[in-house]
Amino acid sequence: MEHTMRAEYTEDDPDRVRSWHMVRGTSTTAMCGKALRADAAARSDAGWGDDPSMMCHTCGALYLREVP
């Protein structure tokens, strides 16, 4: 299955990334269940863990169970 990182933005500044979530394919729903903006920035899953403070812990746990 293909995974993609998608941004969640702050409420105060809609262009500032609050955290990164993992989605399956091109979905706009994070693996943790959070609904993300359709125009949210997307990145390859290869970047997961580059900045742990910005990663959703729940998405990370589910993602690691799905990838070898």
N, C-alpha and C. Protein backbone atom coordinates (compact mmCIF):
# COMPACT_ATOMS: atom_id res chain seq x y z
N MET A 1 0.85 -1.18 0.00
CA MET A 1 0.00 0.00 0.00
C MET A 1 0.90 1.25 0.00
N GLU A 2 0.49 2.24 -0.75
CA GLU A 2 1.22 3.50 -0.81
C GLU A 2 0.76 4.43 0.31
N HIS A 3 1.71 5.09 0.95
CA HIS A 3 1.42 6.04 2.00
C HIS A 3 2.00 7.40 1.62
N THR A 4 1.36 8.45 2.13
CA THR A 4 1.80 9.82 1.89
C THR A 4 1.68 10.62 3.18
N MET A 5 2.63 11.50 3.42
CA MET A 5 2.53 12.42 4.54
C MET A 5 1.72 13.62 4.09
N ARG A 6 0.80 14.08 4.96
CA ARG A 6 0.01 15.29 4.65
C ARG A 6 0.03 16.21 5.86
N ALA A 7 0.01 17.50 5.57
CA ALA A 7 0.11 18.52 6.62
C ALA A 7 -1.23 18.81 7.28
N GLU A 8 -1.13 19.10 8.58
CA GLU A 8 -2.24 19.68 9.33
C GLU A 8 -1.77 21.09 9.69
N TYR A 9 -2.61 22.08 9.51
CA TYR A 9 -2.22 23.47 9.71
C TYR A 9 -2.77 24.03 11.02
N THR A 10 -2.10 25.08 11.53
CA THR A 10 -2.58 25.74 12.75
C THR A 10 -3.84 26.53 12.45
N GLU A 11 -4.64 26.77 13.48
CA GLU A 11 -5.86 27.56 13.30
C GLU A 11 -5.53 29.05 13.16
N ASP A 12 -4.47 29.50 13.85
CA ASP A 12 -4.09 30.92 13.81
C ASP A 12 -3.52 31.34 12.47
N ASP A 13 -2.74 30.44 11.85
CA ASP A 13 -2.09 30.75 10.57
C ASP A 13 -2.33 29.56 9.64
N PRO A 14 -3.27 29.68 8.71
CA PRO A 14 -3.63 28.54 7.86
C PRO A 14 -2.52 28.08 6.91
N ASP A 15 -1.38 28.76 6.91
CA ASP A 15 -0.25 28.34 6.08
C ASP A 15 0.88 27.73 6.91
N ARG A 16 0.73 27.71 8.22
CA ARG A 16 1.77 27.17 9.11
C ARG A 16 1.43 25.73 9.49
N VAL A 17 2.37 24.82 9.24
CA VAL A 17 2.14 23.40 9.54
C VAL A 17 2.22 23.17 11.04
N ARG A 18 1.18 22.55 11.58
CA ARG A 18 1.15 22.17 13.00
C ARG A 18 1.81 20.81 13.18
N SER A 19 1.45 19.88 12.30
CA SER A 19 2.02 18.54 12.37
C SER A 19 1.82 17.82 11.04
N TRP A 20 2.50 16.71 10.90
CA TRP A 20 2.39 15.87 9.71
C TRP A 20 1.69 14.58 10.09
N HIS A 21 0.79 14.15 9.21
CA HIS A 21 0.04 12.92 9.40
C HIS A 21 0.33 11.98 8.24
N MET A 22 0.05 10.72 8.43
CA MET A 22 0.20 9.73 7.37
C MET A 22 -1.18 9.38 6.85
N VAL A 23 -1.30 9.31 5.53
CA VAL A 23 -2.54 8.89 4.89
C VAL A 23 -2.25 7.71 3.98
N ARG A 24 -3.28 6.94 3.71
CA ARG A 24 -3.16 5.84 2.74
C ARG A 24 -3.50 6.40 1.36
N GLY A 25 -2.59 6.20 0.43
CA GLY A 25 -2.81 6.68 -0.93
C GLY A 25 -2.95 8.18 -0.98
N THR A 26 -4.03 8.65 -1.61
CA THR A 26 -4.25 10.09 -1.75
C THR A 26 -5.40 10.59 -0.87
N SER A 27 -5.74 9.83 0.12
CA SER A 27 -6.83 10.18 1.02
C SER A 27 -6.57 11.52 1.72
N THR A 28 -7.64 12.18 2.16
CA THR A 28 -7.50 13.38 2.96
C THR A 28 -7.84 13.10 4.43
N THR A 29 -8.02 11.84 4.75
CA THR A 29 -8.24 11.44 6.14
C THR A 29 -6.98 10.74 6.65
N ALA A 30 -6.42 11.29 7.72
CA ALA A 30 -5.21 10.72 8.30
C ALA A 30 -5.50 9.34 8.89
N MET A 31 -4.47 8.55 9.03
CA MET A 31 -4.63 7.21 9.60
C MET A 31 -5.16 7.28 11.03
N CYS A 32 -4.92 8.41 11.72
CA CYS A 32 -5.43 8.59 13.09
C CYS A 32 -6.89 9.00 13.09
N GLY A 33 -7.46 9.30 11.90
CA GLY A 33 -8.86 9.68 11.78
C GLY A 33 -9.09 11.16 11.58
N LYS A 34 -8.07 11.99 11.70
CA LYS A 34 -8.23 13.43 11.53
C LYS A 34 -8.48 13.77 10.06
N ALA A 35 -9.47 14.62 9.82
CA ALA A 35 -9.77 15.09 8.47
C ALA A 35 -8.81 16.23 8.14
N LEU A 36 -8.13 16.12 7.01
CA LEU A 36 -7.15 17.12 6.59
C LEU A 36 -7.68 17.89 5.39
N ARG A 37 -7.18 19.10 5.22
CA ARG A 37 -7.59 19.92 4.07
C ARG A 37 -7.25 19.22 2.77
N ALA A 38 -8.11 19.35 1.79
CA ALA A 38 -7.87 18.73 0.48
C ALA A 38 -6.64 19.33 -0.20
N ASP A 39 -6.32 20.59 0.10
CA ASP A 39 -5.16 21.23 -0.50
C ASP A 39 -3.92 21.18 0.39
N ALA A 40 -3.94 20.33 1.41
CA ALA A 40 -2.80 20.23 2.33
C ALA A 40 -1.56 19.74 1.59
N ALA A 41 -0.42 20.28 2.00
CA ALA A 41 0.85 19.86 1.41
C ALA A 41 1.03 18.36 1.62
N ALA A 42 1.65 17.73 0.63
CA ALA A 42 1.89 16.29 0.70
C ALA A 42 3.37 16.03 0.46
N ARG A 43 3.88 15.00 1.13
CA ARG A 43 5.28 14.59 0.98
C ARG A 43 5.34 13.07 0.90
N SER A 44 6.44 12.59 0.41
CA SER A 44 6.69 11.15 0.37
C SER A 44 6.79 10.61 1.79
N ASP A 45 6.39 9.36 1.98
CA ASP A 45 6.51 8.75 3.30
C ASP A 45 7.98 8.51 3.70
N ALA A 46 8.91 8.68 2.76
CA ALA A 46 10.33 8.52 3.07
C ALA A 46 10.80 9.54 4.11
N GLY A 47 10.08 10.65 4.24
CA GLY A 47 10.45 11.68 5.20
C GLY A 47 9.90 11.46 6.60
N TRP A 48 9.15 10.38 6.80
CA TRP A 48 8.56 10.13 8.11
C TRP A 48 9.67 9.97 9.14
N GLY A 49 9.60 10.72 10.21
CA GLY A 49 10.58 10.62 11.28
C GLY A 49 11.72 11.62 11.17
N ASP A 50 11.77 12.40 10.07
CA ASP A 50 12.85 13.38 9.93
C ASP A 50 12.82 14.41 11.06
N ASP A 51 11.65 14.82 11.48
CA ASP A 51 11.49 15.75 12.59
C ASP A 51 10.40 15.19 13.51
N PRO A 52 10.78 14.30 14.43
CA PRO A 52 9.79 13.61 15.26
C PRO A 52 8.83 14.53 15.99
N SER A 53 9.25 15.74 16.34
CA SER A 53 8.36 16.64 17.06
C SER A 53 7.18 17.11 16.22
N MET A 54 7.28 16.95 14.90
CA MET A 54 6.22 17.39 13.99
C MET A 54 5.34 16.23 13.51
N MET A 55 5.59 15.02 13.97
CA MET A 55 4.87 13.85 13.47
C MET A 55 3.76 13.43 14.43
N CYS A 56 2.63 13.05 13.88
CA CYS A 56 1.52 12.52 14.68
C CYS A 56 1.93 11.14 15.20
N HIS A 57 1.92 10.98 16.50
CA HIS A 57 2.34 9.72 17.12
C HIS A 57 1.42 8.57 16.72
N THR A 58 0.13 8.81 16.70
CA THR A 58 -0.82 7.75 16.35
C THR A 58 -0.65 7.30 14.91
N CYS A 59 -0.52 8.25 13.99
CA CYS A 59 -0.29 7.89 12.59
C CYS A 59 1.00 7.07 12.45
N GLY A 60 2.03 7.50 13.18
CA GLY A 60 3.30 6.80 13.11
C GLY A 60 3.20 5.35 13.56
N ALA A 61 2.48 5.12 14.65
CA ALA A 61 2.33 3.75 15.15
C ALA A 61 1.57 2.88 14.14
N LEU A 62 0.52 3.43 13.55
CA LEU A 62 -0.24 2.65 12.56
C LEU A 62 0.57 2.44 11.29
N TYR A 63 1.28 3.46 10.85
CA TYR A 63 2.11 3.36 9.65
C TYR A 63 3.17 2.28 9.81
N LEU A 64 3.84 2.26 10.95
CA LEU A 64 4.90 1.27 11.17
C LEU A 64 4.38 -0.17 11.17
N ARG A 65 3.11 -0.35 11.48
CA ARG A 65 2.52 -1.68 11.44
C ARG A 65 2.19 -2.13 10.01
N GLU A 66 2.16 -1.17 9.07
CA GLU A 66 1.78 -1.49 7.70
C GLU A 66 2.95 -1.58 6.73
N VAL A 67 4.10 -1.08 7.12
CA VAL A 67 5.25 -1.10 6.21
C VAL A 67 6.30 -2.08 6.71
N PRO A 68 7.01 -2.69 5.78
CA PRO A 68 8.03 -3.66 6.20
C PRO A 68 9.22 -3.00 6.86
